[in-house]
């Protein structure tokens, strides 16, 4: 876990791709930018990791050398609220992600739990809870004990992943990591985070449900976001004043509550906005 607030991008920044940087190069370049977190993004189509163990271990060693904390974003082809065959395939994908995360020493696998479909929300929650408990048991039988699974708060009202649902899962399932996507919360609830008090109330609710340590160590995604009455539409850069939420408010809450989150930028300007957020917090400190 982070011993201080850490910042980094979700995936390889565009300018790194432009120079054909290798994964190991990416970590060195992030260190040069004084960023200290990275969320590895890979598509896992089937039930096996799509990265070789040797490559993953090499990547993890390079991250440790550069003091960069790794997380892994799981497959987007996961739905624990669907029919049985979809759920079984989703379980295999998440376990494949956990295996890759173990190899590279990533501390959490972030994932999207699924869509309600025609299921009532309560039934969808029961199904997801049951499946996640089975996955954690399987992970332990596989010897995967240093990786947590992180259900993410989701930005569309059709998606499983309200703040309450994610908090309930983290409270009920062992070896889970709270993942708060602040832009998703903002979009899902029609502009939830407009004032400092809105952020404060959210953190206080998390602390009531999960306790101080889980609150301090939350894994976060942040960017500005555009939304409709159905929720999330698209991400925007921090410089676009038309959109919210405002990271300065979250930075103030981080200092007020003495939080030490990992904050991953999902902005179109991945590393540049991670740097902006880091500097905003440093200015307050």
C-alpha atoms as a PDB file:
ATOM      1  CA  UNK A   1       0.000   0.000   0.000  1.00  0.00           C
ATOM      2  CA  UNK A   2       0.985   3.619  -0.440  1.00  0.00           C
ATOM      3  CA  UNK A   3       2.783   5.308   2.450  1.00  0.00           C
ATOM      4  CA  UNK A   4       1.879   8.727   1.003  1.00  0.00           C
ATOM      5  CA  UNK A   5      -0.442  10.016  -1.743  1.00  0.00           C
ATOM      6  CA  UNK A   6       0.723   8.665  -5.096  1.00  0.00           C
ATOM      7  CA  UNK A   7      -0.176   9.767  -8.607  1.00  0.00           C
ATOM      8  CA  UNK A   8       0.075   8.182 -12.028  1.00  0.00           C
ATOM      9  CA  UNK A   9      -1.714   7.419 -15.315  1.00  0.00           C
ATOM     10  CA  UNK A  10      -4.175   4.728 -16.357  1.00  0.00           C
ATOM     11  CA  UNK A  11      -2.213   3.060 -19.109  1.00  0.00           C
ATOM     12  CA  UNK A  12       0.632   4.287 -21.288  1.00  0.00           C
ATOM     13  CA  UNK A  13       0.493   8.055 -22.008  1.00  0.00           C
ATOM     14  CA  UNK A  14       0.128   8.942 -25.713  1.00  0.00           C
ATOM     15  CA  UNK A  15       3.484  10.709 -25.941  1.00  0.00           C
ATOM     16  CA  UNK A  16       5.227   7.565 -24.668  1.00  0.00           C
ATOM     17  CA  UNK A  17       3.511   5.527 -27.357  1.00  0.00           C
ATOM     18  CA  UNK A  18       4.663   8.055 -29.954  1.00  0.00           C
ATOM     19  CA  UNK A  19       8.306   7.283 -29.176  1.00  0.00           C
ATOM     20  CA  UNK A  20       7.572   3.524 -29.077  1.00  0.00           C
ATOM     21  CA  UNK A  21       8.551   3.223 -25.424  1.00  0.00           C
ATOM     22  CA  UNK A  22       8.656  -0.290 -23.997  1.00  0.00           C
ATOM     23  CA  UNK A  23       6.798  -1.059 -20.768  1.00  0.00           C
ATOM     24  CA  UNK A  24      10.068  -0.817 -18.850  1.00  0.00           C
ATOM     25  CA  UNK A  25      10.804   2.532 -20.552  1.00  0.00           C
ATOM     26  CA  UNK A  26       7.392   3.808 -19.433  1.00  0.00           C
ATOM     27  CA  UNK A  27       8.298   3.291 -15.786  1.00  0.00           C
ATOM     28  CA  UNK A  28      11.585   5.168 -16.179  1.00  0.00           C
ATOM     29  CA  UNK A  29       9.845   8.026 -17.994  1.00  0.00           C
ATOM     30  CA  UNK A  30       7.189   8.272 -15.275  1.00  0.00           C
ATOM     31  CA  UNK A  31       9.911   8.418 -12.638  1.00  0.00           C
ATOM     32  CA  UNK A  32      11.522  11.289 -14.559  1.00  0.00           C
ATOM     33  CA  UNK A  33       8.167  13.096 -14.312  1.00  0.00           C
ATOM     34  CA  UNK A  34       8.170  12.393 -10.546  1.00  0.00           C
ATOM     35  CA  UNK A  35       5.070  10.219 -10.823  1.00  0.00           C
ATOM     36  CA  UNK A  36       4.980   7.163  -8.586  1.00  0.00           C
ATOM     37  CA  UNK A  37       1.966   5.046  -9.585  1.00  0.00           C
ATOM     38  CA  UNK A  38       0.914   3.244 -12.752  1.00  0.00           C
ATOM     39  CA  UNK A  39      -2.220   1.316 -13.648  1.00  0.00           C
ATOM     40  CA  UNK A  40      -1.367  -1.417 -16.109  1.00  0.00           C
ATOM     41  CA  UNK A  41      -4.163  -1.921 -18.618  1.00  0.00           C
ATOM     42  CA  UNK A  42      -4.523  -5.094 -20.626  1.00  0.00           C
ATOM     43  CA  UNK A  43      -7.390  -6.882 -22.316  1.00  0.00           C
ATOM     44  CA  UNK A  44      -7.882 -10.420 -21.077  1.00  0.00           C
ATOM     45  CA  UNK A  45     -10.105 -12.192 -23.576  1.00  0.00           C
ATOM     46  CA  UNK A  46      -9.923 -15.683 -22.139  1.00  0.00           C
ATOM     47  CA  UNK A  47      -9.040 -17.444 -18.936  1.00  0.00           C
ATOM     48  CA  UNK A  48      -5.262 -17.030 -19.178  1.00  0.00           C
ATOM     49  CA  UNK A  49      -3.037 -13.978 -18.561  1.00  0.00           C
ATOM     50  CA  UNK A  50      -2.175 -12.146 -21.768  1.00  0.00           C
ATOM     51  CA  UNK A  51       1.338 -11.372 -20.532  1.00  0.00           C
ATOM     52  CA  UNK A  52       4.127 -13.891 -20.010  1.00  0.00           C
ATOM     53  CA  UNK A  53       5.169 -14.551 -16.430  1.00  0.00           C
ATOM     54  CA  UNK A  54       8.774 -13.667 -17.229  1.00  0.00           C
ATOM     55  CA  UNK A  55       7.750 -10.309 -18.739  1.00  0.00           C
ATOM     56  CA  UNK A  56       5.406  -9.526 -15.858  1.00  0.00           C
ATOM     57  CA  UNK A  57       8.098 -10.263 -13.261  1.00  0.00           C
ATOM     58  CA  UNK A  58      10.600  -8.110 -15.148  1.00  0.00           C
ATOM     59  CA  UNK A  59       8.037  -5.291 -15.293  1.00  0.00           C
ATOM     60  CA  UNK A  60       7.381  -5.579 -11.572  1.00  0.00           C
ATOM     61  CA  UNK A  61      11.087  -5.488 -10.757  1.00  0.00           C
ATOM     62  CA  UNK A  62      11.491  -2.335 -12.853  1.00  0.00           C
ATOM     63  CA  UNK A  63       8.544  -0.735 -11.061  1.00  0.00           C
ATOM     64  CA  UNK A  64      10.108  -1.498  -7.690  1.00  0.00           C
ATOM     65  CA  UNK A  65      13.444  -0.075  -8.839  1.00  0.00           C
ATOM     66  CA  UNK A  66      11.700   3.183  -9.806  1.00  0.00           C
ATOM     67  CA  UNK A  67       9.484   3.251  -6.671  1.00  0.00           C
ATOM     68  CA  UNK A  68       6.310   3.056  -8.747  1.00  0.00           C
ATOM     69  CA  UNK A  69       3.307   1.337  -7.175  1.00  0.00           C
ATOM     70  CA  UNK A  70       1.495  -0.886  -9.658  1.00  0.00           C
ATOM     71  CA  UNK A  71      -2.199  -1.586 -10.002  1.00  0.00           C
ATOM     72  CA  UNK A  72      -3.848  -3.533 -12.801  1.00  0.00           C
ATOM     73  CA  UNK A  73      -7.117  -2.713 -14.524  1.00  0.00           C
ATOM     74  CA  UNK A  74      -8.973  -5.931 -15.157  1.00  0.00           C
ATOM     75  CA  UNK A  75     -10.698  -7.057 -18.311  1.00  0.00           C
ATOM     76  CA  UNK A  76     -13.605  -4.966 -19.527  1.00  0.00           C
ATOM     77  CA  UNK A  77     -15.329  -8.218 -20.494  1.00  0.00           C
ATOM     78  CA  UNK A  78     -16.591  -8.912 -16.978  1.00  0.00           C
ATOM     79  CA  UNK A  79     -20.218  -9.108 -15.886  1.00  0.00           C
ATOM     80  CA  UNK A  80     -21.094 -10.762 -12.606  1.00  0.00           C
ATOM     81  CA  UNK A  81     -24.761  -9.872 -12.982  1.00  0.00           C
ATOM     82  CA  UNK A  82     -25.368 -11.781 -16.227  1.00  0.00           C
ATOM     83  CA  UNK A  83     -26.450 -15.312 -17.035  1.00  0.00           C
ATOM     84  CA  UNK A  84     -24.442 -18.254 -15.727  1.00  0.00           C
ATOM     85  CA  UNK A  85     -22.162 -18.785 -18.730  1.00  0.00           C
ATOM     86  CA  UNK A  86     -21.228 -15.083 -18.752  1.00  0.00           C
ATOM     87  CA  UNK A  87     -20.521 -15.119 -15.021  1.00  0.00           C
ATOM     88  CA  UNK A  88     -18.319 -18.220 -15.327  1.00  0.00           C
ATOM     89  CA  UNK A  89     -16.319 -16.659 -18.175  1.00  0.00           C
ATOM     90  CA  UNK A  90     -16.012 -13.440 -16.152  1.00  0.00           C
ATOM     91  CA  UNK A  91     -14.657 -15.352 -13.150  1.00  0.00           C
ATOM     92  CA  UNK A  92     -11.932 -16.891 -15.307  1.00  0.00           C
ATOM     93  CA  UNK A  93     -10.977 -13.473 -16.687  1.00  0.00           C
ATOM     94  CA  UNK A  94     -10.721 -11.881 -13.253  1.00  0.00           C
ATOM     95  CA  UNK A  95      -8.640 -14.798 -11.963  1.00  0.00           C
ATOM     96  CA  UNK A  96      -6.343 -14.434 -14.981  1.00  0.00           C
ATOM     97  CA  UNK A  97      -5.945 -10.755 -14.111  1.00  0.00           C
ATOM     98  CA  UNK A  98      -5.183 -11.611 -10.482  1.00  0.00           C
ATOM     99  CA  UNK A  99      -2.537 -14.084 -11.634  1.00  0.00           C
ATOM    100  CA  UNK A 100      -0.832 -11.458 -13.798  1.00  0.00           C
ATOM    101  CA  UNK A 101      -1.053  -8.950 -10.947  1.00  0.00           C
ATOM    102  CA  UNK A 102       0.631 -11.436  -8.600  1.00  0.00           C
ATOM    103  CA  UNK A 103       3.454 -11.926 -11.092  1.00  0.00           C
ATOM    104  CA  UNK A 104       4.140  -8.188 -11.471  1.00  0.00           C
ATOM    105  CA  UNK A 105       3.497  -7.384  -7.795  1.00  0.00           C
ATOM    106  CA  UNK A 106       0.516  -5.133  -8.524  1.00  0.00           C
ATOM    107  CA  UNK A 107      -1.400  -4.644  -5.304  1.00  0.00           C
ATOM    108  CA  UNK A 108      -4.947  -4.503  -6.708  1.00  0.00           C
ATOM    109  CA  UNK A 109      -6.972  -5.609  -9.726  1.00  0.00           C
ATOM    110  CA  UNK A 110      -9.542  -2.915 -10.482  1.00  0.00           C
ATOM    111  CA  UNK A 111     -12.666  -4.194 -12.255  1.00  0.00           C
ATOM    112  CA  UNK A 112     -16.153  -3.209 -13.365  1.00  0.00           C
ATOM    113  CA  UNK A 113     -18.665  -5.570 -11.703  1.00  0.00           C
ATOM    114  CA  UNK A 114     -21.270  -5.582 -14.496  1.00  0.00           C
ATOM    115  CA  UNK A 115     -24.695  -4.390 -15.628  1.00  0.00           C
ATOM    116  CA  UNK A 116     -28.032  -4.833 -13.895  1.00  0.00           C
ATOM    117  CA  UNK A 117     -29.796  -5.870 -17.089  1.00  0.00           C
ATOM    118  CA  UNK A 118     -33.312  -6.962 -16.161  1.00  0.00           C
ATOM    119  CA  UNK A 119     -32.326  -8.004 -12.645  1.00  0.00           C
ATOM    120  CA  UNK A 120     -33.537  -6.001  -9.638  1.00  0.00           C
ATOM    121  CA  UNK A 121     -30.607  -4.224  -7.996  1.00  0.00           C
ATOM    122  CA  UNK A 122     -30.915  -6.282  -4.817  1.00  0.00           C
ATOM    123  CA  UNK A 123     -30.690  -9.546  -6.766  1.00  0.00           C
ATOM    124  CA  UNK A 124     -27.734  -8.246  -8.762  1.00  0.00           C
ATOM    125  CA  UNK A 125     -25.958  -7.436  -5.508  1.00  0.00           C
ATOM    126  CA  UNK A 126     -26.579 -10.906  -4.056  1.00  0.00           C
ATOM    127  CA  UNK A 127     -25.245 -12.529  -7.217  1.00  0.00           C
ATOM    128  CA  UNK A 128     -22.136 -10.350  -7.308  1.00  0.00           C
ATOM    129  CA  UNK A 129     -21.446 -10.903  -3.611  1.00  0.00           C
ATOM    130  CA  UNK A 130     -21.638 -14.690  -4.007  1.00  0.00           C
ATOM    131  CA  UNK A 131     -19.326 -14.707  -7.030  1.00  0.00           C
ATOM    132  CA  UNK A 132     -16.703 -12.457  -5.454  1.00  0.00           C
ATOM    133  CA  UNK A 133     -16.524 -14.635  -2.353  1.00  0.00           C
ATOM    134  CA  UNK A 134     -15.950 -17.648  -4.623  1.00  0.00           C
ATOM    135  CA  UNK A 135     -13.215 -15.782  -6.520  1.00  0.00           C
ATOM    136  CA  UNK A 136     -11.372 -14.812  -3.332  1.00  0.00           C
ATOM    137  CA  UNK A 137     -11.519 -18.403  -2.111  1.00  0.00           C
ATOM    138  CA  UNK A 138     -10.111 -19.605  -5.442  1.00  0.00           C
ATOM    139  CA  UNK A 139      -7.359 -16.962  -5.336  1.00  0.00           C
ATOM    140  CA  UNK A 140      -6.297 -18.186  -1.908  1.00  0.00           C
ATOM    141  CA  UNK A 141      -6.282 -21.802  -3.084  1.00  0.00           C
ATOM    142  CA  UNK A 142      -4.042 -20.636  -5.959  1.00  0.00           C
ATOM    143  CA  UNK A 143      -1.707 -18.965  -3.478  1.00  0.00           C
ATOM    144  CA  UNK A 144      -2.640 -15.425  -4.566  1.00  0.00           C
ATOM    145  CA  UNK A 145      -2.709 -13.584  -1.266  1.00  0.00           C
ATOM    146  CA  UNK A 146      -0.876 -10.317  -1.975  1.00  0.00           C
ATOM    147  CA  UNK A 147      -3.360  -9.070  -4.569  1.00  0.00           C
ATOM    148  CA  UNK A 148      -6.705  -7.512  -3.719  1.00  0.00           C
ATOM    149  CA  UNK A 149      -9.707  -7.274  -6.032  1.00  0.00           C
ATOM    150  CA  UNK A 150     -11.165  -3.797  -6.351  1.00  0.00           C
ATOM    151  CA  UNK A 151     -14.780  -3.252  -7.444  1.00  0.00           C
ATOM    152  CA  UNK A 152     -14.955   0.246  -8.932  1.00  0.00           C
ATOM    153  CA  UNK A 153     -17.712   2.824  -8.512  1.00  0.00           C
ATOM    154  CA  UNK A 154     -19.355   3.135 -11.929  1.00  0.00           C
ATOM    155  CA  UNK A 155     -20.601   6.151 -13.872  1.00  0.00           C
ATOM    156  CA  UNK A 156     -23.757   4.884 -15.582  1.00  0.00           C
ATOM    157  CA  UNK A 157     -26.991   4.121 -13.779  1.00  0.00           C
ATOM    158  CA  UNK A 158     -27.356   0.911 -15.786  1.00  0.00           C
ATOM    159  CA  UNK A 159     -24.106  -0.389 -14.261  1.00  0.00           C
ATOM    160  CA  UNK A 160     -23.693  -2.181 -10.970  1.00  0.00           C
ATOM    161  CA  UNK A 161     -21.423   0.020  -8.883  1.00  0.00           C
ATOM    162  CA  UNK A 162     -23.061   2.740  -6.821  1.00  0.00           C
ATOM    163  CA  UNK A 163     -21.010   3.934  -3.863  1.00  0.00           C
ATOM    164  CA  UNK A 164     -23.278   1.976  -1.502  1.00  0.00           C
ATOM    165  CA  UNK A 165     -22.926  -1.232  -3.525  1.00  0.00           C
ATOM    166  CA  UNK A 166     -19.139  -0.987  -3.646  1.00  0.00           C
ATOM    167  CA  UNK A 167     -18.910  -0.213   0.070  1.00  0.00           C
ATOM    168  CA  UNK A 168     -21.193  -3.151   0.875  1.00  0.00           C
ATOM    169  CA  UNK A 169     -19.066  -5.501  -1.242  1.00  0.00           C
ATOM    170  CA  UNK A 170     -15.849  -4.333   0.399  1.00  0.00           C
ATOM    171  CA  UNK A 171     -17.384  -4.777   3.836  1.00  0.00           C
ATOM    172  CA  UNK A 172     -18.641  -8.300   3.074  1.00  0.00           C
ATOM    173  CA  UNK A 173     -15.812  -9.763   0.968  1.00  0.00           C
ATOM    174  CA  UNK A 174     -12.283 -10.333   2.253  1.00  0.00           C
ATOM    175  CA  UNK A 175      -9.221  -9.394   0.199  1.00  0.00           C
ATOM    176  CA  UNK A 176     -11.006  -6.469  -1.460  1.00  0.00           C
ATOM    177  CA  UNK A 177      -9.759  -2.933  -2.080  1.00  0.00           C
ATOM    178  CA  UNK A 178     -11.996   0.134  -2.180  1.00  0.00           C
ATOM    179  CA  UNK A 179     -11.821   1.796  -5.611  1.00  0.00           C
ATOM    180  CA  UNK A 180     -13.496   5.201  -5.837  1.00  0.00           C
ATOM    181  CA  UNK A 181     -13.790   6.750  -9.270  1.00  0.00           C
ATOM    182  CA  UNK A 182     -14.711  10.316  -8.318  1.00  0.00           C
ATOM    183  CA  UNK A 183     -15.728  11.288 -11.843  1.00  0.00           C
ATOM    184  CA  UNK A 184     -18.038   8.259 -12.009  1.00  0.00           C
ATOM    185  CA  UNK A 185     -19.671   9.229  -8.709  1.00  0.00           C
ATOM    186  CA  UNK A 186     -20.151  12.747 -10.024  1.00  0.00           C
ATOM    187  CA  UNK A 187     -21.716  11.578 -13.296  1.00  0.00           C
ATOM    188  CA  UNK A 188     -23.869   8.757 -11.919  1.00  0.00           C
ATOM    189  CA  UNK A 189     -25.595  11.065  -9.455  1.00  0.00           C
ATOM    190  CA  UNK A 190     -26.125  13.997 -11.820  1.00  0.00           C
ATOM    191  CA  UNK A 191     -23.303  16.204 -10.558  1.00  0.00           C
ATOM    192  CA  UNK A 192     -22.923  14.894  -7.023  1.00  0.00           C
ATOM    193  CA  UNK A 193     -19.600  16.588  -6.215  1.00  0.00           C
ATOM    194  CA  UNK A 194     -20.079  20.346  -6.525  1.00  0.00           C
ATOM    195  CA  UNK A 195     -18.887  21.621  -3.145  1.00  0.00           C
ATOM    196  CA  UNK A 196     -16.207  20.861  -0.584  1.00  0.00           C
ATOM    197  CA  UNK A 197     -18.929  19.554   1.705  1.00  0.00           C
ATOM    198  CA  UNK A 198     -20.034  17.062  -0.987  1.00  0.00           C
ATOM    199  CA  UNK A 199     -16.545  15.541  -0.985  1.00  0.00           C
ATOM    200  CA  UNK A 200     -16.377  15.629   2.805  1.00  0.00           C
ATOM    201  CA  UNK A 201     -19.717  13.834   3.193  1.00  0.00           C
ATOM    202  CA  UNK A 202     -18.593  11.121   0.758  1.00  0.00           C
ATOM    203  CA  UNK A 203     -15.363  10.479   2.660  1.00  0.00           C
ATOM    204  CA  UNK A 204     -17.225  10.485   5.976  1.00  0.00           C
ATOM    205  CA  UNK A 205     -19.660   7.884   4.623  1.00  0.00           C
ATOM    206  CA  UNK A 206     -16.754   5.700   3.474  1.00  0.00           C
ATOM    207  CA  UNK A 207     -15.168   5.992   6.906  1.00  0.00           C
ATOM    208  CA  UNK A 208     -18.420   5.043   8.639  1.00  0.00           C
ATOM    209  CA  UNK A 209     -18.783   1.941   6.496  1.00  0.00           C
ATOM    210  CA  UNK A 210     -15.199   0.692   6.170  1.00  0.00           C
ATOM    211  CA  UNK A 211     -13.187   2.413   8.871  1.00  0.00           C
ATOM    212  CA  UNK A 212     -10.269   4.819   8.938  1.00  0.00           C
ATOM    213  CA  UNK A 213      -7.570   2.623   7.386  1.00  0.00           C
ATOM    214  CA  UNK A 214      -9.622   1.623   4.343  1.00  0.00           C
ATOM    215  CA  UNK A 215     -10.542   5.282   3.838  1.00  0.00           C
ATOM    216  CA  UNK A 216      -6.957   6.470   4.062  1.00  0.00           C
ATOM    217  CA  UNK A 217      -5.775   3.797   1.629  1.00  0.00           C
ATOM    218  CA  UNK A 218      -8.479   4.094  -1.032  1.00  0.00           C
ATOM    219  CA  UNK A 219      -7.532   3.595  -4.672  1.00  0.00           C
ATOM    220  CA  UNK A 220      -8.911   6.448  -6.789  1.00  0.00           C
ATOM    221  CA  UNK A 221      -9.555   7.368 -10.393  1.00  0.00           C
ATOM    222  CA  UNK A 222     -10.001  11.022 -11.247  1.00  0.00           C
ATOM    223  CA  UNK A 223     -10.698  13.184 -14.273  1.00  0.00           C
ATOM    224  CA  UNK A 224     -13.301  15.735 -15.268  1.00  0.00           C
ATOM    225  CA  UNK A 225     -16.370  14.225 -16.859  1.00  0.00           C
ATOM    226  CA  UNK A 226     -19.326  15.002 -19.073  1.00  0.00           C
ATOM    227  CA  UNK A 227     -22.629  13.321 -18.275  1.00  0.00           C
ATOM    228  CA  UNK A 228     -26.283  13.032 -19.272  1.00  0.00           C
ATOM    229  CA  UNK A 229     -29.361  11.955 -17.330  1.00  0.00           C
ATOM    230  CA  UNK A 230     -28.150   8.358 -17.849  1.00  0.00           C
ATOM    231  CA  UNK A 231     -24.757   9.081 -16.314  1.00  0.00           C
ATOM    232  CA  UNK A 232     -21.220   9.110 -17.701  1.00  0.00           C
ATOM    233  CA  UNK A 233     -20.669  10.280 -21.266  1.00  0.00           C
ATOM    234  CA  UNK A 234     -16.959  11.074 -21.754  1.00  0.00           C
ATOM    235  CA  UNK A 235     -13.834  12.137 -19.891  1.00  0.00           C
ATOM    236  CA  UNK A 236     -12.280  15.604 -20.157  1.00  0.00           C
ATOM    237  CA  UNK A 237      -9.014  17.225 -19.110  1.00  0.00           C
ATOM    238  CA  UNK A 238      -8.571  19.123 -15.859  1.00  0.00           C
ATOM    239  CA  UNK A 239      -8.147  22.383 -17.780  1.00  0.00           C
ATOM    240  CA  UNK A 240     -11.717  22.244 -19.143  1.00  0.00           C
ATOM    241  CA  UNK A 241     -13.503  24.452 -16.621  1.00  0.00           C
ATOM    242  CA  UNK A 242     -16.934  23.642 -18.039  1.00  0.00           C
ATOM    243  CA  UNK A 243     -16.841  20.197 -16.448  1.00  0.00           C
ATOM    244  CA  UNK A 244     -16.485  18.817 -12.936  1.00  0.00           C
ATOM    245  CA  UNK A 245     -15.568  17.630 -10.440  1.00  0.00           C
ATOM    246  CA  UNK A 246     -12.859  19.981  -9.157  1.00  0.00           C
ATOM    247  CA  UNK A 247      -9.723  18.184  -8.001  1.00  0.00           C
ATOM    248  CA  UNK A 248      -8.738  21.096  -5.750  1.00  0.00           C
ATOM    249  CA  UNK A 249     -11.660  20.194  -3.488  1.00  0.00           C
ATOM    250  CA  UNK A 250     -10.565  16.570  -3.271  1.00  0.00           C
ATOM    251  CA  UNK A 251      -7.001  17.714  -2.536  1.00  0.00           C
ATOM    252  CA  UNK A 252      -8.296  19.753   0.399  1.00  0.00           C
ATOM    253  CA  UNK A 253     -10.157  16.722   1.728  1.00  0.00           C
ATOM    254  CA  UNK A 254      -7.019  14.590   1.362  1.00  0.00           C
ATOM    255  CA  UNK A 255      -5.140  17.035   3.595  1.00  0.00           C
ATOM    256  CA  UNK A 256      -8.056  17.432   6.033  1.00  0.00           C
ATOM    257  CA  UNK A 257      -8.489  13.689   6.585  1.00  0.00           C
ATOM    258  CA  UNK A 258      -4.758  12.910   6.219  1.00  0.00           C
ATOM    259  CA  UNK A 259      -5.460  10.448   3.402  1.00  0.00           C
ATOM    260  CA  UNK A 260      -2.775   8.564   1.452  1.00  0.00           C
ATOM    261  CA  UNK A 261      -4.646   7.429  -1.674  1.00  0.00           C
ATOM    262  CA  UNK A 262      -3.329   6.225  -4.981  1.00  0.00           C
ATOM    263  CA  UNK A 263      -4.822   8.586  -7.554  1.00  0.00           C
ATOM    264  CA  UNK A 264      -4.902   7.403 -11.161  1.00  0.00           C
ATOM    265  CA  UNK A 265      -5.516   9.916 -13.929  1.00  0.00           C
ATOM    266  CA  UNK A 266      -8.003   8.817 -16.587  1.00  0.00           C
ATOM    267  CA  UNK A 267      -7.896  12.175 -18.343  1.00  0.00           C
ATOM    268  CA  UNK A 268      -7.210  12.317 -22.103  1.00  0.00           C
ATOM    269  CA  UNK A 269      -3.910  13.875 -20.949  1.00  0.00           C
ATOM    270  CA  UNK A 270      -2.970  10.952 -18.731  1.00  0.00           C
ATOM    271  CA  UNK A 271       0.395  11.835 -17.237  1.00  0.00           C
ATOM    272  CA  UNK A 272       0.082  15.613 -17.581  1.00  0.00           C
ATOM    273  CA  UNK A 273      -3.086  15.721 -15.509  1.00  0.00           C
ATOM    274  CA  UNK A 274      -1.557  13.301 -12.997  1.00  0.00           C
ATOM    275  CA  UNK A 275       1.251  15.856 -12.614  1.00  0.00           C
ATOM    276  CA  UNK A 276      -1.280  18.685 -12.246  1.00  0.00           C
ATOM    277  CA  UNK A 277      -3.091  16.810  -9.487  1.00  0.00           C
ATOM    278  CA  UNK A 278       0.148  16.001  -7.683  1.00  0.00           C
ATOM    279  CA  UNK A 279       1.279  19.624  -7.823  1.00  0.00           C
ATOM    280  CA  UNK A 280      -2.123  20.865  -6.645  1.00  0.00           C
ATOM    281  CA  UNK A 281      -1.855  18.664  -3.563  1.00  0.00           C
ATOM    282  CA  UNK A 282       1.779  19.628  -2.936  1.00  0.00           C
ATOM    283  CA  UNK A 283       0.836  23.314  -3.071  1.00  0.00           C
ATOM    284  CA  UNK A 284      -1.763  22.743  -0.362  1.00  0.00           C
ATOM    285  CA  UNK A 285       0.666  20.768   1.768  1.00  0.00           C
END
